[in-house]
Amino acid sequence: MKIVKKFLISSLIATTIYAMPPQAKENAKDVVTTHSGVATEIIKSAGYNYINIEEDGKKFWIAVAGGEFKKGQKITFIEEMWMVDFKSKTLDRTFDKILFASVVNKATSPLKKPKIETIKKLKDGYRVSDLYSKKSDLKDKIVKVRGKVVKVSENIMGKSWVHIQDGSGSGEDSDVIFTSKKQTPEVGDIVVASGKLRVDKDFGYGYRYAVIVEESTFSK
């Protein structure tokens, strides 16, 4: 499942690079897009690697968090999102176009997200699919969901972006993001996620969420 929600705005955390919620592309497809290319140049800054990749005779820049890479190394990575005229404050450099990516050491073909088991609904809460089907009624209200953390992206626009699934729904309505400035649960945790439901949230650059939950907290 690939959430087609491109997001990003131009100002991010002052101490890190500008970034956007990866996962913006996961809500509509069953696979994620992978690339594989050779590192021709590597610049490290503020916990990120800026890597110039050559793939099928074409060169482009990617940015990945953490890890150790060497010039000449073949790298396989998942496409998160593209950014045009992206300025890194820590490098004092503007990239005409750069891809924010997640590195996968070996995968060379599209990866399918596993479907998780059904998790029992809270008596005073909602299922993930409910947040989509009832979004008009729940807009700007506090919602609570018990679900499994299937992916976490940290330090994006000063927040953690936590993907929750509970086995309900399919395709676009089976995964919802809860953002938080204070808490970051671990992938695989079963949590009660609570926050304010936002509808049709548009971060610009074509990255838009039909449903996203902000100001979130997590408990077990």
N, C-alpha and C. Protein backbone atom coordinates (compact mmCIF):
# COMPACT_ATOMS: atom_id res chain seq x y z
N MET A 1 0.85 -1.18 0.00
CA MET A 1 0.00 0.00 0.00
C MET A 1 0.87 1.22 0.00
N LYS A 2 0.63 2.08 -0.90
CA LYS A 2 1.48 3.25 -1.06
C LYS A 2 0.67 4.50 -0.90
N ILE A 3 0.91 5.27 0.10
CA ILE A 3 0.08 6.42 0.41
C ILE A 3 0.40 7.58 -0.50
N VAL A 4 -0.54 7.87 -1.40
CA VAL A 4 -0.26 8.96 -2.32
C VAL A 4 -0.64 10.25 -1.65
N LYS A 5 0.22 10.78 -0.87
CA LYS A 5 -0.05 12.01 -0.18
C LYS A 5 1.22 12.79 -0.18
N LYS A 6 1.46 13.60 -1.01
CA LYS A 6 2.72 14.30 -1.04
C LYS A 6 2.64 15.47 -0.09
N PHE A 7 3.62 15.63 0.72
CA PHE A 7 3.54 16.71 1.65
C PHE A 7 4.89 17.34 1.77
N LEU A 8 4.91 18.47 2.28
CA LEU A 8 6.10 19.22 2.62
C LEU A 8 5.86 20.68 2.47
N ILE A 9 6.45 21.36 3.33
CA ILE A 9 6.43 22.80 3.29
C ILE A 9 7.87 23.24 3.38
N SER A 10 8.09 24.46 3.15
CA SER A 10 9.47 24.89 3.00
C SER A 10 10.22 25.06 4.31
N SER A 11 9.55 25.30 5.45
CA SER A 11 10.33 25.48 6.66
C SER A 11 10.26 24.26 7.54
N LEU A 12 11.40 23.74 7.95
CA LEU A 12 11.45 22.57 8.80
C LEU A 12 12.29 22.89 10.02
N ILE A 13 12.77 21.88 10.65
CA ILE A 13 13.54 22.05 11.86
C ILE A 13 14.82 22.79 11.55
N ALA A 14 15.14 23.78 12.37
CA ALA A 14 16.36 24.57 12.12
C ALA A 14 17.61 23.72 12.27
N THR A 15 17.58 22.70 13.11
CA THR A 15 18.80 21.93 13.36
C THR A 15 18.98 20.75 12.42
N THR A 16 18.00 20.51 11.57
CA THR A 16 18.12 19.41 10.62
C THR A 16 17.79 19.93 9.25
N ILE A 17 17.75 19.04 8.29
CA ILE A 17 17.42 19.47 6.95
C ILE A 17 15.93 19.64 6.83
N TYR A 18 15.52 20.33 5.78
CA TYR A 18 14.10 20.40 5.50
C TYR A 18 13.69 19.01 5.06
N ALA A 19 12.50 18.59 5.47
CA ALA A 19 12.04 17.27 5.06
C ALA A 19 10.54 17.28 5.03
N MET A 20 9.97 16.21 4.52
CA MET A 20 8.54 16.10 4.49
C MET A 20 8.16 14.72 4.90
N PRO A 21 6.94 14.60 5.37
CA PRO A 21 6.54 13.30 5.82
C PRO A 21 6.74 12.29 4.72
N PRO A 22 7.63 11.34 4.87
CA PRO A 22 7.83 10.33 3.86
C PRO A 22 6.49 9.66 3.75
N GLN A 23 6.13 8.68 3.43
CA GLN A 23 4.83 8.02 3.49
C GLN A 23 3.79 8.80 2.79
N ALA A 24 4.11 9.85 2.21
CA ALA A 24 3.07 10.60 1.60
C ALA A 24 2.52 9.86 0.42
N LYS A 25 3.11 8.81 0.04
CA LYS A 25 2.68 8.13 -1.16
C LYS A 25 2.10 6.77 -0.87
N GLU A 26 1.69 6.48 0.30
CA GLU A 26 1.36 5.11 0.60
C GLU A 26 -0.11 4.80 0.67
N ASN A 27 -0.96 5.71 0.38
CA ASN A 27 -2.36 5.47 0.66
C ASN A 27 -3.15 4.92 -0.51
N ALA A 28 -2.56 4.65 -1.62
CA ALA A 28 -3.40 4.25 -2.72
C ALA A 28 -2.91 3.04 -3.48
N LYS A 29 -1.69 2.58 -3.23
CA LYS A 29 -1.18 1.47 -4.00
C LYS A 29 -0.68 0.37 -3.06
N ASP A 30 -0.49 -0.82 -3.62
CA ASP A 30 -0.10 -1.96 -2.81
C ASP A 30 1.41 -2.13 -2.71
N VAL A 31 2.19 -1.35 -3.43
CA VAL A 31 3.63 -1.51 -3.40
C VAL A 31 4.29 -0.15 -3.24
N VAL A 32 5.53 -0.19 -2.83
CA VAL A 32 6.32 1.04 -2.78
C VAL A 32 7.32 0.98 -3.91
N THR A 33 7.80 2.13 -4.34
CA THR A 33 8.73 2.19 -5.46
C THR A 33 10.17 2.12 -4.97
N THR A 34 10.95 1.20 -5.54
CA THR A 34 12.35 1.10 -5.17
C THR A 34 13.24 1.53 -6.32
N HIS A 35 14.43 2.01 -5.97
CA HIS A 35 15.46 2.38 -6.94
C HIS A 35 16.74 1.68 -6.54
N SER A 36 17.65 1.52 -7.48
CA SER A 36 18.95 0.95 -7.18
C SER A 36 19.99 1.64 -8.06
N GLY A 37 20.99 2.24 -7.42
CA GLY A 37 22.01 2.96 -8.18
C GLY A 37 23.31 3.03 -7.42
N VAL A 38 24.32 3.61 -8.04
CA VAL A 38 25.66 3.70 -7.47
C VAL A 38 25.91 5.09 -6.91
N ALA A 39 26.49 5.15 -5.71
CA ALA A 39 26.81 6.43 -5.07
C ALA A 39 28.05 7.02 -5.73
N THR A 40 27.91 8.20 -6.32
CA THR A 40 29.05 8.85 -6.97
C THR A 40 29.61 9.99 -6.12
N GLU A 41 28.85 10.45 -5.14
CA GLU A 41 29.30 11.52 -4.23
C GLU A 41 28.46 11.44 -2.96
N ILE A 42 29.08 11.66 -1.82
CA ILE A 42 28.37 11.57 -0.54
C ILE A 42 28.74 12.77 0.33
N ILE A 43 27.73 13.43 0.88
CA ILE A 43 27.94 14.54 1.80
C ILE A 43 27.15 14.25 3.07
N LYS A 44 27.82 14.25 4.23
CA LYS A 44 27.13 14.00 5.50
C LYS A 44 26.87 15.32 6.21
N SER A 45 25.66 15.46 6.76
CA SER A 45 25.34 16.69 7.49
C SER A 45 24.11 16.49 8.36
N ALA A 46 24.23 16.88 9.63
CA ALA A 46 23.09 16.88 10.56
C ALA A 46 22.35 15.56 10.61
N GLY A 47 23.09 14.46 10.60
CA GLY A 47 22.46 13.15 10.72
C GLY A 47 21.93 12.60 9.41
N TYR A 48 22.12 13.31 8.31
CA TYR A 48 21.65 12.88 7.00
C TYR A 48 22.81 12.64 6.06
N ASN A 49 22.59 11.78 5.10
CA ASN A 49 23.52 11.56 4.00
C ASN A 49 22.89 12.11 2.72
N TYR A 50 23.57 13.03 2.09
CA TYR A 50 23.16 13.50 0.77
C TYR A 50 24.00 12.71 -0.24
N ILE A 51 23.36 11.93 -1.06
CA ILE A 51 24.08 11.02 -1.95
C ILE A 51 23.70 11.29 -3.40
N ASN A 52 24.72 11.49 -4.24
CA ASN A 52 24.48 11.64 -5.67
C ASN A 52 24.48 10.23 -6.27
N ILE A 53 23.34 9.84 -6.81
CA ILE A 53 23.13 8.48 -7.32
C ILE A 53 23.16 8.46 -8.84
N GLU A 54 23.81 7.44 -9.39
CA GLU A 54 23.72 7.19 -10.83
C GLU A 54 22.91 5.92 -11.04
N GLU A 55 21.78 6.07 -11.70
CA GLU A 55 20.88 4.95 -11.96
C GLU A 55 20.51 4.95 -13.44
N ASP A 56 20.83 3.87 -14.13
CA ASP A 56 20.51 3.73 -15.56
C ASP A 56 21.02 4.93 -16.37
N GLY A 57 22.23 5.38 -16.04
CA GLY A 57 22.84 6.47 -16.79
C GLY A 57 22.40 7.86 -16.39
N LYS A 58 21.50 7.95 -15.43
CA LYS A 58 21.01 9.26 -14.97
C LYS A 58 21.49 9.51 -13.54
N LYS A 59 21.81 10.76 -13.23
CA LYS A 59 22.26 11.12 -11.90
C LYS A 59 21.24 12.03 -11.20
N PHE A 60 21.07 11.80 -9.92
CA PHE A 60 20.18 12.64 -9.11
C PHE A 60 20.59 12.49 -7.65
N TRP A 61 20.16 13.46 -6.85
CA TRP A 61 20.50 13.47 -5.42
C TRP A 61 19.38 12.82 -4.61
N ILE A 62 19.81 12.09 -3.57
CA ILE A 62 18.85 11.59 -2.59
C ILE A 62 19.32 12.03 -1.20
N ALA A 63 18.41 12.06 -0.23
CA ALA A 63 18.75 12.35 1.16
C ALA A 63 18.19 11.22 2.01
N VAL A 64 19.05 10.60 2.82
CA VAL A 64 18.61 9.51 3.69
C VAL A 64 19.14 9.77 5.09
N ALA A 65 18.37 9.37 6.08
CA ALA A 65 18.76 9.59 7.47
C ALA A 65 19.68 8.47 7.95
N GLY A 66 20.81 8.87 8.56
CA GLY A 66 21.70 7.90 9.17
C GLY A 66 22.38 6.96 8.20
N GLY A 67 23.08 5.98 8.76
CA GLY A 67 23.74 4.98 7.94
C GLY A 67 25.13 5.38 7.49
N GLU A 68 25.90 4.39 7.03
CA GLU A 68 27.24 4.62 6.52
C GLU A 68 27.29 4.17 5.07
N PHE A 69 27.78 5.02 4.19
CA PHE A 69 27.83 4.73 2.77
C PHE A 69 29.20 5.09 2.21
N LYS A 70 29.57 4.41 1.14
CA LYS A 70 30.86 4.67 0.51
C LYS A 70 30.67 4.99 -0.97
N LYS A 71 31.56 5.83 -1.47
CA LYS A 71 31.54 6.16 -2.89
C LYS A 71 31.76 4.88 -3.68
N GLY A 72 30.96 4.68 -4.72
CA GLY A 72 31.04 3.48 -5.54
C GLY A 72 30.14 2.36 -5.08
N GLN A 73 29.53 2.53 -3.90
CA GLN A 73 28.63 1.51 -3.37
C GLN A 73 27.30 1.52 -4.10
N LYS A 74 26.75 0.31 -4.34
CA LYS A 74 25.42 0.22 -4.94
C LYS A 74 24.40 0.27 -3.82
N ILE A 75 23.44 1.16 -3.95
CA ILE A 75 22.46 1.38 -2.90
C ILE A 75 21.05 1.17 -3.45
N THR A 76 20.26 0.41 -2.71
CA THR A 76 18.85 0.23 -3.06
C THR A 76 18.02 1.00 -2.05
N PHE A 77 17.05 1.76 -2.54
CA PHE A 77 16.30 2.63 -1.63
C PHE A 77 14.85 2.79 -2.08
N ILE A 78 14.01 3.10 -1.10
CA ILE A 78 12.59 3.30 -1.33
C ILE A 78 12.31 4.77 -1.57
N GLU A 79 11.56 5.06 -2.58
CA GLU A 79 11.18 6.45 -2.89
C GLU A 79 10.14 6.93 -1.90
N GLU A 80 10.49 8.04 -1.21
CA GLU A 80 9.53 8.65 -0.29
C GLU A 80 8.87 9.86 -0.93
N MET A 81 9.67 10.88 -1.26
CA MET A 81 9.10 12.02 -1.97
C MET A 81 10.18 12.88 -2.60
N TRP A 82 9.81 13.59 -3.64
CA TRP A 82 10.70 14.50 -4.34
C TRP A 82 10.47 15.92 -3.85
N MET A 83 11.55 16.70 -3.83
CA MET A 83 11.45 18.10 -3.47
C MET A 83 12.19 18.93 -4.50
N VAL A 84 11.56 19.99 -4.97
CA VAL A 84 12.16 20.88 -5.96
C VAL A 84 12.68 22.14 -5.26
N ASP A 85 13.86 22.61 -5.69
CA ASP A 85 14.47 23.82 -5.10
C ASP A 85 14.55 23.71 -3.58
N PHE A 86 15.06 22.59 -3.13
CA PHE A 86 15.18 22.31 -1.71
C PHE A 86 16.48 22.91 -1.15
N LYS A 87 16.38 23.70 -0.10
CA LYS A 87 17.57 24.29 0.51
C LYS A 87 17.89 23.63 1.84
N SER A 88 19.10 23.14 1.95
CA SER A 88 19.59 22.59 3.21
C SER A 88 20.32 23.70 3.95
N LYS A 89 19.83 24.05 5.12
CA LYS A 89 20.47 25.11 5.90
C LYS A 89 21.85 24.67 6.38
N THR A 90 21.95 23.39 6.76
CA THR A 90 23.23 22.94 7.29
C THR A 90 24.32 22.90 6.24
N LEU A 91 23.95 22.70 4.98
CA LEU A 91 24.94 22.70 3.90
C LEU A 91 25.05 24.05 3.22
N ASP A 92 24.06 24.91 3.50
CA ASP A 92 23.98 26.20 2.80
C ASP A 92 24.01 25.96 1.29
N ARG A 93 23.16 25.03 0.87
CA ARG A 93 23.14 24.63 -0.54
C ARG A 93 21.71 24.35 -0.97
N THR A 94 21.40 24.75 -2.19
CA THR A 94 20.07 24.48 -2.75
C THR A 94 20.18 23.42 -3.84
N PHE A 95 19.37 22.39 -3.71
CA PHE A 95 19.33 21.32 -4.71
C PHE A 95 18.17 21.58 -5.67
N ASP A 96 18.44 21.54 -6.96
CA ASP A 96 17.37 21.77 -7.93
C ASP A 96 16.25 20.76 -7.74
N LYS A 97 16.63 19.52 -7.44
CA LYS A 97 15.67 18.45 -7.22
C LYS A 97 16.33 17.38 -6.38
N ILE A 98 15.65 16.91 -5.35
CA ILE A 98 16.23 15.89 -4.48
C ILE A 98 15.14 14.93 -4.03
N LEU A 99 15.52 13.67 -3.87
CA LEU A 99 14.58 12.63 -3.44
C LEU A 99 14.87 12.24 -2.01
N PHE A 100 13.90 12.38 -1.13
CA PHE A 100 14.02 11.87 0.22
C PHE A 100 13.68 10.40 0.17
N ALA A 101 14.53 9.57 0.75
CA ALA A 101 14.40 8.12 0.55
C ALA A 101 14.71 7.35 1.83
N SER A 102 14.27 6.09 1.84
CA SER A 102 14.60 5.16 2.90
C SER A 102 15.42 4.04 2.28
N VAL A 103 16.58 3.78 2.83
CA VAL A 103 17.46 2.76 2.26
C VAL A 103 17.04 1.37 2.72
N VAL A 104 17.02 0.44 1.78
CA VAL A 104 16.83 -0.97 2.09
C VAL A 104 18.05 -1.68 1.54
N ASN A 105 18.75 -2.38 2.37
CA ASN A 105 20.05 -2.91 1.98
C ASN A 105 20.04 -3.90 0.83
N LYS A 106 19.00 -4.71 0.73
CA LYS A 106 19.03 -5.77 -0.26
C LYS A 106 17.87 -5.75 -1.25
N ALA A 107 16.71 -5.29 -0.82
CA ALA A 107 15.53 -5.42 -1.68
C ALA A 107 15.77 -4.80 -3.04
N THR A 108 15.41 -5.50 -4.08
CA THR A 108 15.61 -5.00 -5.43
C THR A 108 14.32 -4.93 -6.21
N SER A 109 13.22 -5.27 -5.58
CA SER A 109 11.93 -5.21 -6.26
C SER A 109 10.92 -4.57 -5.33
N PRO A 110 9.77 -4.12 -5.87
CA PRO A 110 8.77 -3.48 -5.02
C PRO A 110 8.42 -4.35 -3.83
N LEU A 111 8.21 -3.70 -2.69
CA LEU A 111 7.92 -4.41 -1.46
C LEU A 111 6.47 -4.23 -1.06
N LYS A 112 5.82 -5.32 -0.73
CA LYS A 112 4.43 -5.25 -0.30
C LYS A 112 4.38 -5.11 1.21
N LYS A 113 3.44 -4.32 1.69
CA LYS A 113 3.27 -4.18 3.12
C LYS A 113 2.39 -5.33 3.61
N PRO A 114 2.81 -6.01 4.67
CA PRO A 114 2.00 -7.12 5.17
C PRO A 114 0.71 -6.62 5.80
N LYS A 115 -0.34 -7.39 5.63
CA LYS A 115 -1.61 -7.03 6.25
C LYS A 115 -1.57 -7.50 7.69
N ILE A 116 -1.91 -6.64 8.61
CA ILE A 116 -1.83 -7.01 10.02
C ILE A 116 -3.11 -7.67 10.49
N GLU A 117 -3.02 -8.32 11.65
CA GLU A 117 -4.17 -8.98 12.24
C GLU A 117 -5.17 -7.95 12.73
N THR A 118 -6.43 -8.37 12.84
CA THR A 118 -7.46 -7.46 13.33
C THR A 118 -7.26 -7.22 14.83
N ILE A 119 -7.26 -5.97 15.21
CA ILE A 119 -7.06 -5.58 16.61
C ILE A 119 -8.38 -5.08 17.18
N LYS A 120 -8.70 -5.54 18.38
CA LYS A 120 -9.98 -5.23 18.99
C LYS A 120 -10.18 -3.72 19.17
N LYS A 121 -11.33 -3.24 18.78
CA LYS A 121 -11.67 -1.82 18.85
C LYS A 121 -11.94 -1.39 20.30
N LEU A 122 -11.54 -0.15 20.62
CA LEU A 122 -11.85 0.43 21.92
C LEU A 122 -13.35 0.71 22.03
N LYS A 123 -13.88 0.56 23.22
CA LYS A 123 -15.30 0.85 23.41
C LYS A 123 -15.61 2.32 23.15
N ASP A 124 -14.69 3.19 23.51
CA ASP A 124 -14.91 4.62 23.33
C ASP A 124 -14.07 5.17 22.17
N GLY A 125 -13.67 4.29 21.26
CA GLY A 125 -12.83 4.72 20.16
C GLY A 125 -13.36 4.36 18.79
N TYR A 126 -12.49 4.40 17.81
CA TYR A 126 -12.87 4.14 16.43
C TYR A 126 -11.89 3.16 15.81
N ARG A 127 -12.31 2.57 14.69
CA ARG A 127 -11.41 1.78 13.88
C ARG A 127 -10.76 2.72 12.87
N VAL A 128 -9.63 2.31 12.32
CA VAL A 128 -8.94 3.14 11.34
C VAL A 128 -9.87 3.46 10.17
N SER A 129 -10.58 2.47 9.69
CA SER A 129 -11.48 2.69 8.55
C SER A 129 -12.58 3.69 8.88
N ASP A 130 -12.97 3.77 10.18
CA ASP A 130 -14.00 4.72 10.58
C ASP A 130 -13.54 6.17 10.37
N LEU A 131 -12.25 6.40 10.57
CA LEU A 131 -11.74 7.76 10.43
C LEU A 131 -11.92 8.28 9.00
N TYR A 132 -11.92 7.36 8.06
CA TYR A 132 -12.15 7.73 6.66
C TYR A 132 -13.65 7.81 6.35
N SER A 133 -14.39 6.80 6.75
CA SER A 133 -15.82 6.77 6.39
C SER A 133 -16.64 7.81 7.15
N LYS A 134 -16.15 8.22 8.33
CA LYS A 134 -16.88 9.19 9.15
C LYS A 134 -16.13 10.52 9.27
N LYS A 135 -15.22 10.77 8.34
CA LYS A 135 -14.36 11.93 8.47
C LYS A 135 -15.11 13.26 8.54
N SER A 136 -16.23 13.36 7.82
CA SER A 136 -16.99 14.62 7.85
C SER A 136 -17.51 14.92 9.24
N ASP A 137 -17.98 13.88 9.94
CA ASP A 137 -18.52 14.06 11.29
C ASP A 137 -17.41 14.23 12.33
N LEU A 138 -16.24 13.62 12.05
CA LEU A 138 -15.17 13.63 13.04
C LEU A 138 -14.16 14.76 12.83
N LYS A 139 -14.31 15.52 11.79
CA LYS A 139 -13.38 16.59 11.47
C LYS A 139 -13.13 17.51 12.67
N ASP A 140 -11.86 17.71 13.00
CA ASP A 140 -11.40 18.60 14.07
C ASP A 140 -11.81 18.12 15.47
N LYS A 141 -12.22 16.86 15.58
CA LYS A 141 -12.56 16.30 16.88
C LYS A 141 -11.45 15.36 17.35
N ILE A 142 -11.41 15.12 18.66
CA ILE A 142 -10.45 14.17 19.22
C ILE A 142 -10.94 12.75 18.94
N VAL A 143 -10.04 11.95 18.36
CA VAL A 143 -10.38 10.56 18.07
C VAL A 143 -9.35 9.65 18.73
N LYS A 144 -9.77 8.41 18.99
CA LYS A 144 -8.90 7.45 19.65
C LYS A 144 -8.99 6.12 18.92
N VAL A 145 -7.83 5.52 18.65
CA VAL A 145 -7.76 4.26 17.92
C VAL A 145 -6.75 3.34 18.59
N ARG A 146 -7.13 2.06 18.76
CA ARG A 146 -6.14 1.07 19.18
C ARG A 146 -5.63 0.37 17.93
N GLY A 147 -4.33 0.38 17.73
CA GLY A 147 -3.79 -0.24 16.53
C GLY A 147 -2.32 -0.55 16.65
N LYS A 148 -1.75 -1.07 15.57
CA LYS A 148 -0.35 -1.46 15.54
C LYS A 148 0.47 -0.41 14.79
N VAL A 149 1.61 -0.06 15.34
CA VAL A 149 2.52 0.87 14.69
C VAL A 149 3.25 0.12 13.58
N VAL A 150 3.01 0.50 12.32
CA VAL A 150 3.62 -0.21 11.20
C VAL A 150 4.77 0.57 10.57
N LYS A 151 4.87 1.85 10.86
CA LYS A 151 5.99 2.64 10.35
C LYS A 151 6.09 3.95 11.13
N VAL A 152 7.32 4.40 11.35
CA VAL A 152 7.56 5.66 12.05
C VAL A 152 8.61 6.46 11.29
N SER A 153 8.33 7.72 11.06
CA SER A 153 9.30 8.64 10.47
C SER A 153 9.52 9.77 11.48
N GLU A 154 10.75 9.90 11.97
CA GLU A 154 11.04 10.87 13.02
C GLU A 154 11.64 12.16 12.47
N ASN A 155 11.51 13.22 13.27
CA ASN A 155 12.13 14.52 12.97
C ASN A 155 11.75 15.06 11.61
N ILE A 156 10.50 14.92 11.28
CA ILE A 156 9.98 15.50 10.04
C ILE A 156 9.09 16.67 10.41
N MET A 157 9.52 17.87 10.04
CA MET A 157 8.81 19.08 10.41
C MET A 157 8.65 19.16 11.93
N GLY A 158 9.67 18.66 12.65
CA GLY A 158 9.64 18.74 14.10
C GLY A 158 8.72 17.74 14.75
N LYS A 159 8.27 16.74 14.01
CA LYS A 159 7.32 15.78 14.55
C LYS A 159 7.71 14.35 14.18
N SER A 160 7.10 13.41 14.88
CA SER A 160 7.16 12.01 14.48
C SER A 160 5.87 11.69 13.73
N TRP A 161 6.00 10.95 12.63
CA TRP A 161 4.85 10.57 11.80
C TRP A 161 4.65 9.07 11.97
N VAL A 162 3.59 8.71 12.67
CA VAL A 162 3.38 7.33 13.11
C VAL A 162 2.20 6.71 12.35
N HIS A 163 2.49 5.66 11.59
CA HIS A 163 1.45 4.98 10.83
C HIS A 163 0.80 3.90 11.69
N ILE A 164 -0.51 3.96 11.78
CA ILE A 164 -1.28 3.03 12.59
C ILE A 164 -2.22 2.22 11.70
N GLN A 165 -2.27 0.91 11.94
CA GLN A 165 -3.24 0.03 11.30
C GLN A 165 -3.87 -0.85 12.37
N ASP A 166 -5.13 -1.25 12.12
CA ASP A 166 -5.80 -2.14 13.07
C ASP A 166 -6.47 -3.33 12.38
N GLY A 167 -6.14 -3.51 11.10
CA GLY A 167 -6.73 -4.63 10.36
C GLY A 167 -8.03 -4.29 9.69
N SER A 168 -8.53 -3.09 9.89
CA SER A 168 -9.79 -2.69 9.26
C SER A 168 -9.52 -1.98 7.94
N GLY A 169 -10.53 -1.91 7.11
CA GLY A 169 -10.42 -1.20 5.86
C GLY A 169 -9.54 -1.92 4.85
N SER A 170 -9.39 -1.30 3.70
CA SER A 170 -8.52 -1.85 2.66
C SER A 170 -8.01 -0.69 1.82
N GLY A 171 -6.82 -0.87 1.26
CA GLY A 171 -6.26 0.18 0.43
C GLY A 171 -6.11 1.46 1.21
N GLU A 172 -6.69 2.53 0.70
CA GLU A 172 -6.51 3.87 1.26
C GLU A 172 -6.98 4.03 2.69
N ASP A 173 -8.02 3.29 3.07
CA ASP A 173 -8.58 3.52 4.41
C ASP A 173 -8.11 2.49 5.45
N SER A 174 -6.98 1.83 5.21
CA SER A 174 -6.48 0.85 6.18
C SER A 174 -5.29 1.36 7.00
N ASP A 175 -4.84 2.58 6.71
CA ASP A 175 -3.65 3.13 7.37
C ASP A 175 -3.89 4.61 7.62
N VAL A 176 -3.57 5.06 8.83
CA VAL A 176 -3.71 6.48 9.13
C VAL A 176 -2.48 6.95 9.89
N ILE A 177 -2.08 8.20 9.64
CA ILE A 177 -0.91 8.77 10.30
C ILE A 177 -1.34 9.63 11.49
N PHE A 178 -0.66 9.39 12.62
CA PHE A 178 -0.80 10.22 13.81
C PHE A 178 0.53 10.96 13.99
N THR A 179 0.49 12.29 14.06
CA THR A 179 1.72 13.04 14.24
C THR A 179 1.83 13.52 15.69
N SER A 180 3.08 13.57 16.19
CA SER A 180 3.30 13.98 17.57
C SER A 180 4.65 14.67 17.71
N LYS A 181 4.69 15.74 18.51
CA LYS A 181 5.94 16.43 18.80
C LYS A 181 6.60 15.87 20.05
N LYS A 182 5.86 15.06 20.81
CA LYS A 182 6.36 14.64 22.12
C LYS A 182 6.65 13.15 22.23
N GLN A 183 5.94 12.32 21.48
CA GLN A 183 6.08 10.88 21.67
C GLN A 183 6.38 10.17 20.35
N THR A 184 7.17 9.09 20.46
CA THR A 184 7.48 8.28 19.29
C THR A 184 7.44 6.81 19.69
N PRO A 185 6.34 6.12 19.43
CA PRO A 185 6.28 4.69 19.75
C PRO A 185 7.15 3.88 18.79
N GLU A 186 7.40 2.64 19.13
CA GLU A 186 8.23 1.77 18.31
C GLU A 186 7.39 1.01 17.29
N VAL A 187 8.00 0.73 16.14
CA VAL A 187 7.32 -0.10 15.14
C VAL A 187 7.05 -1.47 15.76
N GLY A 188 5.83 -1.96 15.57
CA GLY A 188 5.43 -3.23 16.14
C GLY A 188 4.64 -3.10 17.42
N ASP A 189 4.69 -1.93 18.07
CA ASP A 189 3.92 -1.70 19.30
C ASP A 189 2.43 -1.68 19.01
N ILE A 190 1.65 -2.23 19.94
CA ILE A 190 0.20 -2.06 19.92
C ILE A 190 -0.09 -0.91 20.87
N VAL A 191 -0.68 0.17 20.35
CA VAL A 191 -0.88 1.38 21.15
C VAL A 191 -2.30 1.90 21.03
N VAL A 192 -2.66 2.74 21.98
CA VAL A 192 -3.88 3.53 21.87
C VAL A 192 -3.42 4.92 21.44
N ALA A 193 -3.77 5.29 20.23
CA ALA A 193 -3.36 6.58 19.66
C ALA A 193 -4.52 7.55 19.72
N SER A 194 -4.25 8.74 20.20
CA SER A 194 -5.31 9.74 20.35
C SER A 194 -4.83 11.09 19.84
N GLY A 195 -5.72 11.80 19.14
CA GLY A 195 -5.36 13.11 18.63
C GLY A 195 -6.51 13.76 17.90
N LYS A 196 -6.23 14.91 17.29
CA LYS A 196 -7.27 15.69 16.61
C LYS A 196 -7.29 15.34 15.13
N LEU A 197 -8.43 14.92 14.63
CA LEU A 197 -8.57 14.50 13.24
C LEU A 197 -8.65 15.71 12.30
N ARG A 198 -7.78 15.72 11.30
CA ARG A 198 -7.80 16.75 10.26
C ARG A 198 -8.20 16.10 8.94
N VAL A 199 -8.92 16.84 8.15
CA VAL A 199 -9.44 16.33 6.88
C VAL A 199 -8.91 17.16 5.72
N ASP A 200 -8.52 16.46 4.65
CA ASP A 200 -8.01 17.12 3.43
C ASP A 200 -6.90 18.11 3.76
N LYS A 201 -5.94 17.64 4.51
CA LYS A 201 -4.79 18.46 4.91
C LYS A 201 -3.82 18.57 3.74
N ASP A 202 -3.55 19.77 3.31
CA ASP A 202 -2.70 19.99 2.14
C ASP A 202 -1.40 20.68 2.57
N PHE A 203 -0.27 20.01 2.36
CA PHE A 203 1.04 20.57 2.72
C PHE A 203 1.72 21.23 1.53
N GLY A 204 1.03 21.31 0.42
CA GLY A 204 1.61 21.88 -0.79
C GLY A 204 2.39 20.86 -1.59
N TYR A 205 2.87 21.28 -2.75
CA TYR A 205 3.64 20.43 -3.65
C TYR A 205 2.87 19.18 -4.05
N GLY A 206 1.55 19.22 -3.96
CA GLY A 206 0.74 18.07 -4.34
C GLY A 206 0.62 17.01 -3.26
N TYR A 207 1.23 17.24 -2.08
CA TYR A 207 1.16 16.27 -1.00
C TYR A 207 -0.05 16.60 -0.12
N ARG A 208 -1.00 15.70 -0.15
CA ARG A 208 -2.26 15.97 0.54
C ARG A 208 -2.78 14.73 1.23
N TYR A 209 -3.27 14.89 2.45
CA TYR A 209 -3.83 13.80 3.23
C TYR A 209 -5.36 13.91 3.27
N ALA A 210 -6.04 12.86 2.93
CA ALA A 210 -7.50 12.85 3.08
C ALA A 210 -7.84 12.87 4.56
N VAL A 211 -7.05 12.15 5.35
CA VAL A 211 -7.24 12.08 6.80
C VAL A 211 -5.87 12.02 7.46
N ILE A 212 -5.67 12.80 8.50
CA ILE A 212 -4.45 12.73 9.31
C ILE A 212 -4.81 13.18 10.72
N VAL A 213 -4.14 12.62 11.71
CA VAL A 213 -4.45 12.96 13.11
C VAL A 213 -3.24 13.69 13.70
N GLU A 214 -3.46 14.88 14.24
CA GLU A 214 -2.39 15.71 14.75
C GLU A 214 -2.47 15.86 16.27
N GLU A 215 -1.39 16.41 16.85
CA GLU A 215 -1.31 16.65 18.31
C GLU A 215 -1.56 15.34 19.06
N SER A 216 -0.94 14.27 18.59
CA SER A 216 -1.26 12.93 19.08
C SER A 216 -0.47 12.53 20.34
N THR A 217 -1.07 11.62 21.10
CA THR A 217 -0.41 10.97 22.22
C THR A 217 -0.61 9.47 22.05
N PHE A 218 0.29 8.69 22.69
CA PHE A 218 0.23 7.24 22.56
C PHE A 218 0.37 6.59 23.93
N SER A 219 -0.42 5.56 24.17
CA SER A 219 -0.33 4.80 25.41
C SER A 219 -0.55 3.32 25.09
N LYS A 220 -0.14 2.46 25.99
CA LYS A 220 -0.31 1.02 25.78
C LYS A 220 -1.39 0.46 26.68
